N, C-alpha and C. Protein backbone atom coordinates (compact mmCIF):
# COMPACT_ATOMS: atom_id res chain seq x y z
N MET A 1 30.70 -29.57 -46.39
CA MET A 1 29.94 -28.89 -45.78
C MET A 1 30.39 -27.05 -45.39
N ASN A 2 30.18 -26.44 -46.54
CA ASN A 2 30.70 -24.95 -46.78
C ASN A 2 29.88 -24.32 -47.08
N ALA A 3 28.32 -24.43 -46.49
CA ALA A 3 27.24 -23.55 -46.87
C ALA A 3 27.23 -22.31 -45.68
N LEU A 4 27.79 -22.26 -44.91
CA LEU A 4 27.89 -21.52 -43.78
C LEU A 4 29.04 -20.32 -44.38
N GLN A 5 28.36 -18.85 -44.17
CA GLN A 5 29.08 -17.83 -44.54
C GLN A 5 29.43 -17.04 -43.95
N THR A 6 29.16 -16.79 -42.78
CA THR A 6 29.62 -16.29 -41.31
C THR A 6 29.98 -17.29 -39.90
N ALA A 7 30.28 -16.61 -39.08
CA ALA A 7 30.71 -17.02 -38.08
C ALA A 7 29.14 -18.09 -37.39
N LEU A 8 29.88 -19.33 -37.25
CA LEU A 8 28.94 -20.53 -36.19
C LEU A 8 28.59 -20.52 -34.67
N TRP A 9 27.27 -19.78 -34.79
CA TRP A 9 26.85 -19.50 -33.08
C TRP A 9 26.76 -20.53 -32.35
N THR A 10 25.65 -21.75 -33.42
CA THR A 10 25.41 -22.78 -32.33
C THR A 10 24.91 -23.90 -32.99
N LEU A 11 24.81 -25.27 -32.35
CA LEU A 11 24.67 -26.46 -33.19
C LEU A 11 23.93 -27.57 -32.24
N VAL A 12 23.38 -28.09 -32.82
CA VAL A 12 22.60 -29.25 -31.71
C VAL A 12 22.07 -30.32 -32.70
N PHE A 13 22.46 -31.68 -32.41
CA PHE A 13 21.79 -32.93 -33.11
C PHE A 13 20.66 -33.29 -32.83
N ASP A 14 19.85 -33.97 -33.68
CA ASP A 14 18.50 -34.04 -33.12
C ASP A 14 18.16 -35.89 -33.03
N ALA A 15 17.93 -36.64 -32.61
CA ALA A 15 17.51 -37.91 -32.35
C ALA A 15 17.62 -38.89 -33.47
N GLN A 16 17.42 -38.06 -34.88
CA GLN A 16 17.35 -38.98 -36.29
C GLN A 16 19.20 -38.70 -36.48
N GLY A 17 19.97 -38.11 -36.13
CA GLY A 17 21.42 -37.52 -36.65
C GLY A 17 21.31 -36.76 -37.36
N TYR A 18 20.52 -35.48 -37.70
CA TYR A 18 20.53 -34.68 -38.60
C TYR A 18 21.10 -33.61 -37.66
N LEU A 19 21.74 -32.71 -38.11
CA LEU A 19 22.92 -31.53 -37.35
C LEU A 19 21.98 -30.51 -37.55
N TYR A 20 21.98 -29.30 -36.93
CA TYR A 20 21.18 -27.85 -37.25
C TYR A 20 22.29 -26.98 -36.45
N THR A 21 22.17 -25.93 -37.50
CA THR A 21 23.31 -24.86 -37.10
C THR A 21 22.53 -23.63 -36.97
N ALA A 22 23.11 -22.71 -36.45
CA ALA A 22 22.58 -21.21 -36.82
C ALA A 22 24.29 -20.66 -36.81
N SER A 23 24.43 -19.34 -37.38
CA SER A 23 25.09 -18.59 -37.80
C SER A 23 24.86 -17.10 -37.53
N GLY A 24 25.94 -16.30 -37.83
CA GLY A 24 25.71 -14.89 -37.83
C GLY A 24 25.02 -14.37 -38.91
N ASP A 25 24.54 -15.09 -40.07
CA ASP A 25 23.60 -14.72 -40.93
C ASP A 25 22.24 -14.61 -40.64
N LYS A 26 21.85 -15.16 -39.22
CA LYS A 26 20.43 -15.39 -38.66
C LYS A 26 19.81 -16.74 -39.41
N ASN A 27 20.53 -17.58 -40.14
CA ASN A 27 19.87 -18.69 -40.98
C ASN A 27 20.01 -19.99 -40.23
N ILE A 28 18.86 -20.49 -39.63
CA ILE A 28 19.32 -22.23 -39.26
C ILE A 28 18.97 -22.91 -40.35
N LEU A 29 19.92 -23.81 -40.22
CA LEU A 29 20.24 -24.74 -41.69
C LEU A 29 20.20 -26.26 -40.73
N ARG A 30 19.61 -27.08 -41.83
CA ARG A 30 19.29 -28.60 -41.44
C ARG A 30 20.83 -29.53 -42.44
N TRP A 31 21.42 -29.90 -41.69
CA TRP A 31 22.65 -30.46 -42.44
C TRP A 31 22.18 -32.55 -42.33
N ASN A 32 21.97 -32.81 -43.78
CA ASN A 32 22.20 -34.50 -43.57
C ASN A 32 23.57 -34.80 -43.45
N MET A 33 23.94 -35.46 -42.32
CA MET A 33 25.01 -36.34 -42.19
C MET A 33 25.70 -37.30 -43.19
N ARG A 34 24.83 -37.78 -44.11
CA ARG A 34 25.30 -38.72 -45.08
C ARG A 34 25.74 -37.97 -46.27
N SER A 35 25.26 -37.03 -46.76
CA SER A 35 25.36 -36.57 -47.77
C SER A 35 26.31 -34.92 -47.67
N TYR A 36 26.15 -34.66 -46.62
CA TYR A 36 26.91 -33.31 -46.03
C TYR A 36 26.08 -32.06 -46.80
N GLU A 37 24.75 -32.35 -47.02
CA GLU A 37 24.31 -31.36 -47.93
C GLU A 37 23.48 -30.37 -46.70
N SER A 38 22.91 -29.32 -46.86
CA SER A 38 22.44 -28.60 -45.92
C SER A 38 21.05 -28.02 -46.78
N THR A 39 19.97 -27.80 -45.62
CA THR A 39 18.85 -27.41 -46.01
C THR A 39 18.56 -25.89 -44.96
N PRO A 40 17.88 -24.59 -45.83
CA PRO A 40 17.91 -23.71 -44.89
C PRO A 40 16.23 -24.19 -44.48
N LEU A 41 16.12 -23.67 -43.00
CA LEU A 41 14.92 -23.70 -42.55
C LEU A 41 14.28 -22.63 -42.27
N ILE A 42 14.71 -21.49 -41.46
CA ILE A 42 14.36 -20.45 -41.17
C ILE A 42 15.28 -19.25 -41.49
N LYS A 43 14.99 -17.87 -41.84
CA LYS A 43 15.92 -16.94 -41.11
C LYS A 43 15.34 -16.25 -40.07
N THR A 44 15.47 -15.64 -39.14
CA THR A 44 15.16 -14.77 -37.99
C THR A 44 15.50 -13.87 -37.94
N GLU A 45 14.58 -13.07 -37.04
CA GLU A 45 14.72 -11.55 -37.13
C GLU A 45 16.41 -11.27 -36.45
N ALA A 46 16.74 -11.90 -35.32
CA ALA A 46 17.64 -11.57 -34.44
C ALA A 46 19.01 -12.65 -34.52
N MET A 47 19.51 -12.71 -34.22
CA MET A 47 20.88 -13.55 -34.17
C MET A 47 20.44 -14.76 -33.40
N VAL A 48 20.51 -16.01 -33.48
CA VAL A 48 20.07 -17.37 -32.71
C VAL A 48 21.48 -17.48 -31.81
N ASN A 49 21.49 -17.56 -30.39
CA ASN A 49 22.58 -17.64 -30.24
C ASN A 49 22.38 -19.22 -29.43
N SER A 50 21.57 -19.88 -29.05
CA SER A 50 21.45 -21.08 -28.86
C SER A 50 19.97 -21.99 -29.38
N LEU A 51 20.56 -23.34 -29.94
CA LEU A 51 19.38 -24.26 -30.01
C LEU A 51 19.21 -25.28 -29.09
N SER A 52 18.14 -25.98 -29.08
CA SER A 52 17.93 -26.91 -28.28
C SER A 52 16.74 -27.67 -28.69
N ILE A 53 16.32 -29.07 -28.89
CA ILE A 53 15.31 -30.01 -29.38
C ILE A 53 15.09 -30.66 -28.26
N ASN A 54 13.46 -30.69 -28.36
CA ASN A 54 12.87 -31.52 -27.36
C ASN A 54 12.58 -32.76 -28.30
N SER A 55 13.52 -33.58 -27.35
CA SER A 55 13.06 -35.08 -28.63
C SER A 55 11.73 -35.95 -28.07
N LYS A 56 11.05 -35.49 -27.24
CA LYS A 56 9.53 -35.88 -26.96
C LYS A 56 8.66 -35.53 -27.76
N ASN A 57 8.49 -34.06 -28.70
CA ASN A 57 7.52 -33.56 -29.67
C ASN A 57 8.37 -33.12 -30.64
N GLY A 58 9.47 -32.98 -30.92
CA GLY A 58 10.12 -32.39 -32.08
C GLY A 58 10.34 -31.01 -32.59
N VAL A 59 9.85 -30.46 -31.05
CA VAL A 59 10.36 -28.87 -30.93
C VAL A 59 11.36 -28.80 -30.91
N MET A 60 11.96 -27.39 -31.60
CA MET A 60 13.34 -26.83 -31.19
C MET A 60 13.21 -25.40 -30.94
N ALA A 61 13.74 -25.13 -29.59
CA ALA A 61 13.78 -23.90 -29.12
C ALA A 61 14.94 -22.99 -29.88
N ALA A 62 14.77 -21.91 -30.28
CA ALA A 62 15.84 -21.20 -30.84
C ALA A 62 15.79 -19.66 -30.07
N GLY A 63 17.19 -19.57 -29.23
CA GLY A 63 16.90 -17.95 -28.28
C GLY A 63 17.85 -17.52 -29.08
N LEU A 64 17.07 -16.15 -29.12
CA LEU A 64 17.49 -14.79 -29.76
C LEU A 64 17.77 -14.05 -29.17
N ALA A 65 19.46 -13.49 -29.80
CA ALA A 65 19.73 -11.59 -29.25
C ALA A 65 18.51 -10.88 -28.79
N ASN A 66 17.43 -10.66 -29.02
CA ASN A 66 16.51 -10.05 -29.10
C ASN A 66 15.70 -10.29 -27.86
N GLY A 67 15.90 -11.18 -26.80
CA GLY A 67 15.52 -11.44 -26.00
C GLY A 67 14.29 -12.50 -26.29
N GLU A 68 13.77 -12.99 -27.86
CA GLU A 68 12.67 -14.27 -27.96
C GLU A 68 13.35 -15.52 -27.75
N VAL A 69 12.51 -16.21 -27.82
CA VAL A 69 12.67 -17.51 -27.81
C VAL A 69 11.30 -18.26 -28.93
N LEU A 70 11.89 -18.74 -30.08
CA LEU A 70 11.29 -19.31 -31.01
C LEU A 70 11.03 -20.90 -30.49
N LEU A 71 10.12 -21.28 -30.81
CA LEU A 71 9.84 -22.61 -30.72
C LEU A 71 9.13 -23.11 -32.51
N LEU A 72 9.82 -23.72 -32.35
CA LEU A 72 9.67 -24.26 -34.17
C LEU A 72 9.72 -26.06 -33.99
N LYS A 73 8.30 -26.39 -35.01
CA LYS A 73 8.12 -27.66 -34.88
C LYS A 73 8.66 -28.30 -36.08
N ILE A 74 9.71 -28.96 -36.18
CA ILE A 74 10.55 -30.05 -37.05
C ILE A 74 9.80 -30.80 -38.10
N LEU A 75 9.66 -30.17 -39.56
CA LEU A 75 8.97 -31.31 -40.50
C LEU A 75 9.90 -31.71 -41.02
N ASP A 76 9.34 -32.84 -42.29
CA ASP A 76 10.71 -33.26 -42.97
C ASP A 76 10.57 -32.38 -44.09
N THR A 77 9.61 -31.31 -44.28
CA THR A 77 9.88 -30.41 -45.63
C THR A 77 10.44 -29.18 -44.82
N GLY A 78 10.66 -28.82 -43.50
CA GLY A 78 10.97 -27.74 -42.98
C GLY A 78 11.13 -27.53 -41.47
N VAL A 79 10.51 -26.43 -41.09
CA VAL A 79 10.21 -26.10 -39.77
C VAL A 79 8.92 -25.20 -39.80
N THR A 80 7.98 -25.22 -38.91
CA THR A 80 6.83 -24.31 -38.87
C THR A 80 7.07 -23.58 -37.63
N THR A 81 6.45 -22.43 -37.20
CA THR A 81 6.82 -21.57 -35.90
C THR A 81 5.24 -22.14 -35.24
N THR A 82 5.59 -22.82 -33.61
CA THR A 82 4.68 -23.12 -33.24
C THR A 82 4.18 -21.85 -32.07
N GLY A 83 5.15 -21.31 -31.32
CA GLY A 83 5.07 -20.49 -30.37
C GLY A 83 6.28 -19.48 -30.27
N LYS A 84 6.18 -18.82 -29.19
CA LYS A 84 7.31 -17.88 -28.85
C LYS A 84 7.23 -17.39 -27.63
N VAL A 85 8.26 -17.42 -26.93
CA VAL A 85 8.52 -16.95 -25.56
C VAL A 85 9.19 -15.65 -25.39
N SER A 86 8.51 -14.48 -25.21
CA SER A 86 8.56 -13.54 -25.21
C SER A 86 9.93 -12.66 -23.98
N GLY A 87 10.72 -11.94 -24.10
CA GLY A 87 11.37 -11.15 -23.37
C GLY A 87 12.26 -9.88 -24.04
N VAL A 88 13.04 -9.60 -22.97
CA VAL A 88 13.56 -8.30 -23.70
C VAL A 88 15.00 -8.34 -23.25
N ASN A 89 15.59 -9.27 -22.53
CA ASN A 89 17.25 -9.08 -21.91
C ASN A 89 17.47 -10.42 -23.02
N PRO A 90 19.00 -10.49 -23.71
CA PRO A 90 19.08 -11.50 -24.64
C PRO A 90 19.22 -12.56 -24.29
N VAL A 91 18.75 -13.49 -25.16
CA VAL A 91 18.70 -14.99 -24.60
C VAL A 91 19.95 -15.74 -24.83
N THR A 92 21.07 -16.00 -23.95
CA THR A 92 22.46 -16.89 -24.51
C THR A 92 22.51 -18.20 -24.43
N LYS A 93 21.42 -19.26 -23.79
CA LYS A 93 21.17 -20.55 -24.05
C LYS A 93 20.01 -20.75 -23.18
N VAL A 94 19.60 -21.99 -24.17
CA VAL A 94 18.30 -22.68 -24.21
C VAL A 94 18.59 -24.18 -23.85
N LYS A 95 18.03 -25.03 -23.08
CA LYS A 95 17.92 -26.26 -22.74
C LYS A 95 16.78 -26.99 -22.16
N PHE A 96 15.95 -27.73 -23.06
CA PHE A 96 14.85 -28.82 -22.69
C PHE A 96 15.29 -29.79 -21.66
N ASN A 97 14.30 -30.21 -20.92
CA ASN A 97 14.87 -31.36 -19.77
C ASN A 97 14.69 -32.38 -20.39
N THR A 98 15.38 -33.71 -19.89
CA THR A 98 15.32 -34.89 -20.15
C THR A 98 13.45 -35.48 -20.76
N ALA A 99 12.89 -34.48 -19.84
CA ALA A 99 11.47 -35.47 -19.96
C ALA A 99 10.58 -34.55 -21.19
N GLY A 100 11.03 -33.55 -21.55
CA GLY A 100 10.52 -32.61 -22.73
C GLY A 100 9.66 -31.47 -22.06
N SER A 101 9.45 -31.72 -20.45
CA SER A 101 8.22 -30.98 -19.81
C SER A 101 8.56 -29.54 -19.55
N MET A 102 9.82 -29.38 -19.73
CA MET A 102 10.40 -27.81 -19.23
C MET A 102 11.52 -27.43 -20.21
N LEU A 103 12.04 -25.99 -20.29
CA LEU A 103 12.56 -25.40 -21.08
C LEU A 103 13.34 -24.33 -20.32
N ALA A 104 14.86 -24.42 -19.98
CA ALA A 104 15.21 -23.34 -19.12
C ALA A 104 15.71 -22.66 -20.13
N ILE A 105 16.06 -21.27 -19.88
CA ILE A 105 16.42 -20.21 -20.71
C ILE A 105 17.49 -19.31 -20.00
N GLY A 106 18.39 -19.31 -20.25
CA GLY A 106 19.36 -18.49 -19.61
C GLY A 106 19.78 -16.88 -20.46
N LYS A 107 19.70 -15.72 -19.67
CA LYS A 107 20.05 -14.55 -20.21
C LYS A 107 21.46 -13.95 -20.09
N GLU A 108 21.34 -12.77 -20.81
CA GLU A 108 22.78 -12.18 -20.50
C GLU A 108 23.12 -11.31 -19.57
N ASP A 109 21.92 -11.09 -18.46
CA ASP A 109 22.30 -10.82 -17.29
C ASP A 109 22.35 -11.49 -16.14
N GLY A 110 22.12 -13.15 -16.46
CA GLY A 110 22.72 -13.67 -15.34
C GLY A 110 21.68 -14.58 -14.82
N SER A 111 20.15 -14.10 -15.25
CA SER A 111 19.02 -14.60 -15.03
C SER A 111 18.51 -15.85 -15.80
N ILE A 112 18.07 -17.02 -15.12
CA ILE A 112 17.46 -17.90 -16.00
C ILE A 112 16.05 -18.22 -15.70
N VAL A 113 15.29 -18.37 -16.70
CA VAL A 113 13.94 -18.83 -16.31
C VAL A 113 13.57 -19.97 -16.78
N LEU A 114 12.68 -20.54 -16.27
CA LEU A 114 11.94 -22.13 -16.39
C LEU A 114 10.56 -21.92 -17.22
N TRP A 115 10.38 -22.46 -18.38
CA TRP A 115 9.28 -22.68 -19.12
C TRP A 115 8.70 -23.92 -19.67
N ASP A 116 7.36 -23.78 -18.98
CA ASP A 116 6.48 -25.19 -18.59
C ASP A 116 5.82 -25.31 -20.15
N VAL A 117 6.08 -26.45 -20.59
CA VAL A 117 5.71 -26.89 -22.01
C VAL A 117 4.11 -26.94 -21.86
N ALA A 118 3.91 -27.41 -21.08
CA ALA A 118 2.44 -28.21 -21.02
C ALA A 118 1.29 -26.86 -21.05
N SER A 119 1.56 -25.95 -20.19
CA SER A 119 1.22 -24.62 -20.11
C SER A 119 1.34 -23.57 -20.90
N SER A 120 2.65 -23.44 -21.59
CA SER A 120 3.25 -22.23 -22.73
C SER A 120 3.30 -21.16 -21.18
N GLU A 121 3.62 -21.30 -20.27
CA GLU A 121 3.90 -20.03 -19.08
C GLU A 121 5.76 -20.28 -18.66
N ILE A 122 5.83 -19.31 -18.17
CA ILE A 122 7.00 -19.15 -17.43
C ILE A 122 6.65 -19.73 -16.05
N SER A 123 7.68 -20.84 -15.91
CA SER A 123 6.66 -21.37 -14.37
C SER A 123 7.89 -20.69 -13.32
N GLN A 124 9.08 -20.16 -13.41
CA GLN A 124 9.66 -19.79 -12.32
C GLN A 124 10.65 -19.22 -12.93
N SER A 125 11.53 -18.07 -12.07
CA SER A 125 12.49 -17.58 -12.45
C SER A 125 13.76 -17.98 -11.41
N LEU A 126 14.95 -17.98 -11.73
CA LEU A 126 15.93 -18.05 -11.05
C LEU A 126 17.03 -17.05 -10.73
N THR A 127 17.58 -16.68 -9.99
CA THR A 127 18.45 -15.36 -9.62
C THR A 127 19.56 -15.69 -8.77
N GLY A 128 20.35 -15.67 -9.37
CA GLY A 128 22.23 -16.04 -8.75
C GLY A 128 23.39 -15.55 -9.33
N HIS A 129 23.50 -15.69 -10.80
CA HIS A 129 24.23 -15.26 -11.35
C HIS A 129 24.75 -13.70 -11.59
N ARG A 130 25.56 -13.17 -11.70
CA ARG A 130 25.69 -11.84 -11.77
C ARG A 130 26.14 -11.41 -13.55
N ALA A 131 26.37 -12.64 -14.50
CA ALA A 131 26.79 -12.07 -15.78
C ALA A 131 26.39 -13.43 -16.47
N MET A 132 26.48 -13.16 -17.58
CA MET A 132 26.00 -14.12 -18.93
C MET A 132 25.46 -15.69 -18.20
N VAL A 133 24.84 -16.04 -18.62
CA VAL A 133 24.81 -17.43 -18.73
C VAL A 133 25.03 -18.09 -19.62
N SER A 134 26.32 -18.92 -19.60
CA SER A 134 27.10 -19.81 -20.89
C SER A 134 26.47 -20.95 -20.94
N ASP A 135 25.93 -21.76 -19.89
CA ASP A 135 25.64 -23.21 -20.56
C ASP A 135 24.82 -23.61 -19.44
N LEU A 136 23.65 -24.78 -19.89
CA LEU A 136 22.67 -25.19 -18.79
C LEU A 136 22.59 -26.46 -19.57
N ARG A 137 22.66 -27.33 -18.20
CA ARG A 137 22.46 -28.93 -18.43
C ARG A 137 21.36 -29.43 -17.02
N PHE A 138 20.66 -30.16 -17.52
CA PHE A 138 19.84 -31.25 -16.51
C PHE A 138 20.61 -32.60 -16.29
N SER A 139 19.84 -32.87 -15.13
CA SER A 139 20.31 -34.31 -14.93
C SER A 139 19.59 -35.20 -15.18
N PRO A 140 19.69 -36.39 -15.80
CA PRO A 140 19.23 -37.71 -16.30
C PRO A 140 17.55 -37.44 -15.69
N ASP A 141 17.38 -37.65 -14.63
CA ASP A 141 16.57 -37.46 -13.73
C ASP A 141 15.64 -36.20 -13.61
N ASP A 142 16.06 -35.35 -14.31
CA ASP A 142 15.56 -33.83 -14.11
C ASP A 142 15.29 -33.31 -13.04
N LEU A 143 15.80 -33.81 -11.89
CA LEU A 143 15.90 -33.10 -10.14
C LEU A 143 16.76 -31.97 -10.08
N PHE A 144 17.60 -31.95 -10.95
CA PHE A 144 18.70 -30.84 -10.65
C PHE A 144 19.08 -30.61 -12.21
N LEU A 145 19.11 -29.22 -11.95
CA LEU A 145 19.90 -28.28 -13.24
C LEU A 145 21.16 -27.58 -12.94
N LEU A 146 22.49 -27.89 -13.71
CA LEU A 146 23.33 -27.19 -13.82
C LEU A 146 23.63 -26.16 -14.73
N SER A 147 23.81 -24.88 -14.00
CA SER A 147 24.14 -23.78 -14.74
C SER A 147 25.44 -23.20 -14.81
N ALA A 148 26.02 -22.33 -15.81
CA ALA A 148 27.37 -22.00 -15.72
C ALA A 148 27.11 -20.38 -16.46
N SER A 149 28.29 -19.56 -15.59
CA SER A 149 28.07 -18.00 -16.27
C SER A 149 29.53 -17.37 -15.96
N TYR A 150 29.59 -16.40 -17.05
CA TYR A 150 30.80 -15.68 -16.69
C TYR A 150 31.02 -15.02 -15.46
N ASP A 151 30.30 -15.17 -14.86
CA ASP A 151 30.82 -14.39 -13.60
C ASP A 151 31.65 -14.98 -12.68
N GLY A 152 31.77 -16.36 -13.40
CA GLY A 152 32.84 -17.09 -12.53
C GLY A 152 32.28 -18.06 -11.55
N THR A 153 31.11 -18.19 -12.07
CA THR A 153 30.54 -19.20 -11.05
C THR A 153 29.59 -20.52 -11.51
N SER A 154 29.76 -21.98 -11.22
CA SER A 154 29.00 -22.70 -11.49
C SER A 154 27.55 -23.07 -10.48
N MET A 155 26.56 -23.08 -10.84
CA MET A 155 25.66 -23.28 -10.10
C MET A 155 24.62 -24.56 -10.00
N PHE A 156 24.44 -25.04 -8.96
CA PHE A 156 23.33 -26.68 -9.19
C PHE A 156 22.36 -26.39 -8.32
N TRP A 157 20.88 -26.17 -9.12
CA TRP A 157 19.74 -26.04 -8.90
C TRP A 157 19.01 -27.27 -8.25
N ASN A 158 18.18 -27.25 -7.13
CA ASN A 158 17.61 -28.33 -6.69
C ASN A 158 15.90 -27.97 -7.54
N MET A 159 15.83 -29.06 -7.98
CA MET A 159 14.28 -28.57 -9.26
C MET A 159 13.23 -28.74 -8.36
N LYS A 160 13.52 -29.75 -6.77
CA LYS A 160 11.86 -29.87 -5.96
C LYS A 160 12.44 -28.77 -4.82
N SER A 161 13.26 -27.98 -4.74
CA SER A 161 13.14 -26.92 -3.93
C SER A 161 14.30 -25.72 -4.74
N ILE A 162 13.40 -25.06 -5.49
CA ILE A 162 14.07 -24.54 -6.49
C ILE A 162 15.23 -23.04 -5.80
N ASN A 163 14.63 -22.68 -4.84
CA ASN A 163 15.98 -21.86 -4.00
C ASN A 163 17.06 -22.19 -3.55
N GLU A 164 16.94 -23.77 -3.29
CA GLU A 164 18.28 -24.28 -2.81
C GLU A 164 19.29 -24.28 -4.25
N ARG A 165 20.55 -23.88 -4.22
CA ARG A 165 21.50 -23.93 -4.76
C ARG A 165 22.86 -24.09 -4.30
N GLN A 166 24.14 -24.62 -5.13
CA GLN A 166 25.01 -25.07 -4.40
C GLN A 166 26.09 -24.30 -5.64
N VAL A 167 26.95 -23.66 -4.86
CA VAL A 167 27.59 -22.53 -5.77
C VAL A 167 29.17 -23.85 -6.25
N VAL A 168 29.01 -24.14 -7.24
CA VAL A 168 30.03 -25.27 -7.75
C VAL A 168 31.30 -25.22 -7.52
N LEU A 169 31.60 -23.81 -8.99
CA LEU A 169 32.96 -23.35 -9.33
C LEU A 169 32.85 -22.13 -8.64
N ARG A 170 34.38 -20.91 -8.61
CA ARG A 170 34.38 -19.80 -8.55
C ARG A 170 35.35 -19.31 -9.53
N ILE A 171 35.19 -19.64 -11.01
CA ILE A 171 35.99 -19.42 -12.19
C ILE A 171 35.15 -19.48 -13.17
N THR A 172 35.23 -18.38 -14.10
CA THR A 172 34.58 -18.70 -15.43
C THR A 172 34.33 -19.56 -16.00
N VAL A 173 33.19 -20.16 -15.99
CA VAL A 173 32.71 -21.47 -16.74
C VAL A 173 31.82 -20.89 -18.20
N VAL A 174 32.93 -21.94 -19.34
CA VAL A 174 32.42 -21.40 -20.52
C VAL A 174 31.29 -22.15 -20.93
N GLY A 175 31.44 -23.37 -20.67
CA GLY A 175 30.45 -24.55 -21.05
C GLY A 175 30.29 -25.94 -20.30
N CYS A 176 29.21 -26.49 -20.23
CA CYS A 176 29.37 -27.70 -19.60
C CYS A 176 28.73 -29.29 -20.16
N PHE A 177 29.01 -30.08 -20.47
CA PHE A 177 28.55 -31.11 -20.87
C PHE A 177 28.51 -32.40 -20.02
N ARG A 178 27.47 -32.91 -19.98
CA ARG A 178 26.81 -34.33 -19.55
C ARG A 178 26.71 -35.35 -20.20
N GLN A 179 27.66 -36.49 -19.69
CA GLN A 179 27.74 -37.63 -20.68
C GLN A 179 26.11 -38.32 -20.10
N ALA A 180 25.39 -39.12 -21.03
CA ALA A 180 24.56 -39.49 -20.84
C ALA A 180 24.53 -40.94 -19.78
N SER A 181 25.54 -41.85 -20.46
CA SER A 181 25.67 -43.10 -19.58
C SER A 181 25.92 -43.19 -18.37
N THR A 182 26.91 -42.27 -17.63
CA THR A 182 27.38 -42.07 -16.55
C THR A 182 27.22 -40.46 -15.99
N PRO A 183 27.16 -40.87 -14.83
CA PRO A 183 27.12 -39.39 -13.80
C PRO A 183 28.25 -38.30 -13.94
N MET A 184 28.99 -38.25 -15.50
CA MET A 184 30.05 -37.71 -15.08
C MET A 184 29.49 -35.89 -15.39
N VAL A 185 30.10 -34.99 -15.24
CA VAL A 185 29.65 -33.55 -15.80
C VAL A 185 31.00 -33.43 -16.56
N VAL A 186 31.29 -32.49 -17.38
CA VAL A 186 32.56 -31.82 -18.13
C VAL A 186 32.53 -30.95 -18.41
N ILE A 187 33.23 -29.73 -17.53
CA ILE A 187 33.08 -28.21 -17.11
C ILE A 187 34.16 -27.33 -17.65
N SER A 188 34.26 -26.81 -19.43
CA SER A 188 35.25 -25.98 -19.61
C SER A 188 35.41 -24.87 -19.02
N LEU A 189 36.58 -24.39 -18.57
CA LEU A 189 36.92 -23.24 -17.83
C LEU A 189 37.78 -22.34 -18.71
N GLN A 190 37.75 -21.33 -18.36
CA GLN A 190 38.29 -20.36 -19.20
C GLN A 190 39.09 -19.21 -17.91
N ARG A 191 40.57 -19.39 -18.19
CA ARG A 191 40.98 -18.41 -17.22
C ARG A 191 41.92 -17.34 -17.66
N THR A 192 42.94 -16.41 -17.07
CA THR A 192 43.15 -15.04 -17.75
C THR A 192 44.33 -15.23 -19.23
N HIS A 193 45.11 -16.75 -19.21
CA HIS A 193 45.85 -16.70 -19.95
C HIS A 193 45.98 -18.09 -20.40
N SER A 194 45.01 -18.99 -20.01
CA SER A 194 44.84 -20.24 -20.29
C SER A 194 43.85 -20.64 -20.40
N ALA A 195 43.33 -22.03 -20.44
CA ALA A 195 42.17 -22.74 -20.31
C ALA A 195 42.44 -24.11 -19.95
N ALA A 196 40.89 -24.53 -18.96
CA ALA A 196 41.44 -25.43 -18.35
C ALA A 196 40.03 -26.37 -18.58
N CYS A 197 40.04 -27.81 -18.46
CA CYS A 197 38.82 -28.75 -18.33
C CYS A 197 38.65 -29.77 -16.88
N ALA A 198 37.99 -29.12 -16.30
CA ALA A 198 37.55 -29.86 -14.97
C ALA A 198 36.86 -31.12 -15.10
N ILE A 199 37.00 -32.22 -14.68
CA ILE A 199 36.05 -33.44 -14.70
C ILE A 199 35.12 -33.51 -13.35
N PHE A 200 34.00 -33.49 -13.55
CA PHE A 200 33.39 -33.50 -11.88
C PHE A 200 32.49 -35.29 -11.98
N HIS A 201 32.71 -35.75 -10.85
CA HIS A 201 31.64 -37.01 -10.65
C HIS A 201 30.66 -36.69 -9.98
N SER A 202 29.42 -36.77 -10.51
CA SER A 202 27.93 -36.38 -9.82
C SER A 202 27.32 -37.58 -9.51
N THR A 203 26.65 -37.58 -8.23
CA THR A 203 25.78 -38.34 -7.79
C THR A 203 23.97 -37.62 -7.66
N TRP A 204 24.77 -36.52 -8.50
CA TRP A 204 23.46 -35.14 -8.27
C TRP A 204 22.80 -34.96 -7.30
N ASN A 205 23.36 -35.06 -6.43
CA ASN A 205 23.00 -34.50 -4.96
C ASN A 205 24.23 -33.67 -4.39
N SER A 206 25.35 -33.74 -5.26
CA SER A 206 26.53 -32.71 -5.15
C SER A 206 27.56 -33.23 -6.09
N ILE A 207 28.47 -32.27 -6.24
CA ILE A 207 29.42 -32.40 -7.34
C ILE A 207 30.79 -31.89 -6.77
N GLN A 208 31.76 -32.81 -6.67
CA GLN A 208 33.21 -32.84 -6.41
C GLN A 208 33.78 -32.78 -7.63
N PRO A 209 35.04 -31.95 -7.56
CA PRO A 209 35.65 -31.79 -8.84
C PRO A 209 37.07 -33.19 -8.78
N ILE A 210 36.99 -34.23 -9.67
CA ILE A 210 38.54 -35.19 -9.51
C ILE A 210 39.40 -34.87 -9.84
N SER A 211 39.64 -34.18 -11.44
CA SER A 211 40.73 -33.65 -12.00
C SER A 211 40.25 -32.67 -13.06
N ALA A 212 41.63 -32.17 -13.25
CA ALA A 212 41.37 -30.79 -14.27
C ALA A 212 42.86 -30.87 -15.12
N VAL A 213 42.54 -30.67 -16.15
CA VAL A 213 43.54 -30.55 -17.01
C VAL A 213 43.93 -29.47 -17.82
N ARG A 214 44.83 -28.82 -18.08
CA ARG A 214 44.97 -27.68 -18.84
C ARG A 214 45.40 -27.89 -20.37
């Protein structure tokens, strides 16, 4: 796996086990994890900061530094562009929900927009973070959205009552990971001169820290 010529910015696996990467050269590559060979799929106009794949329809969202989100249909022979979500503020994170019906888009200014797949329109804008959105995760039932930001907070959004949010942490959150089989959320934290990892047990009604390690 030596096809990357510049820094790797984002990566994601699809349901078939292929790996997709985007790096500083603006190329999106697909990797065969058996042969470790890469196939160039598309070169974008701006840097790709985040990738997410809709497991329901095989569409990949690519969040760009120019504020746009490209929607790419994954084919055996490559990708084809099926649409675009326009914007001005740089996109820092994209994430499809479990059902594949919604795409959450995090921005550099801390805002989050929810894009409806069926209507191809933005259905909601979320405000609360004061700095770049670093990560987004939906709960398994899509009823909640967890957002992380460099403003020092992580927020827990109720998707049924979108104005309801719970501030989980007040420390710089680099990213979060949800384990599919258990109600666990692992959140990476960044401190001034150290790093930590906090593990949260969640019923997706509330999140409480149960341990943290340096």
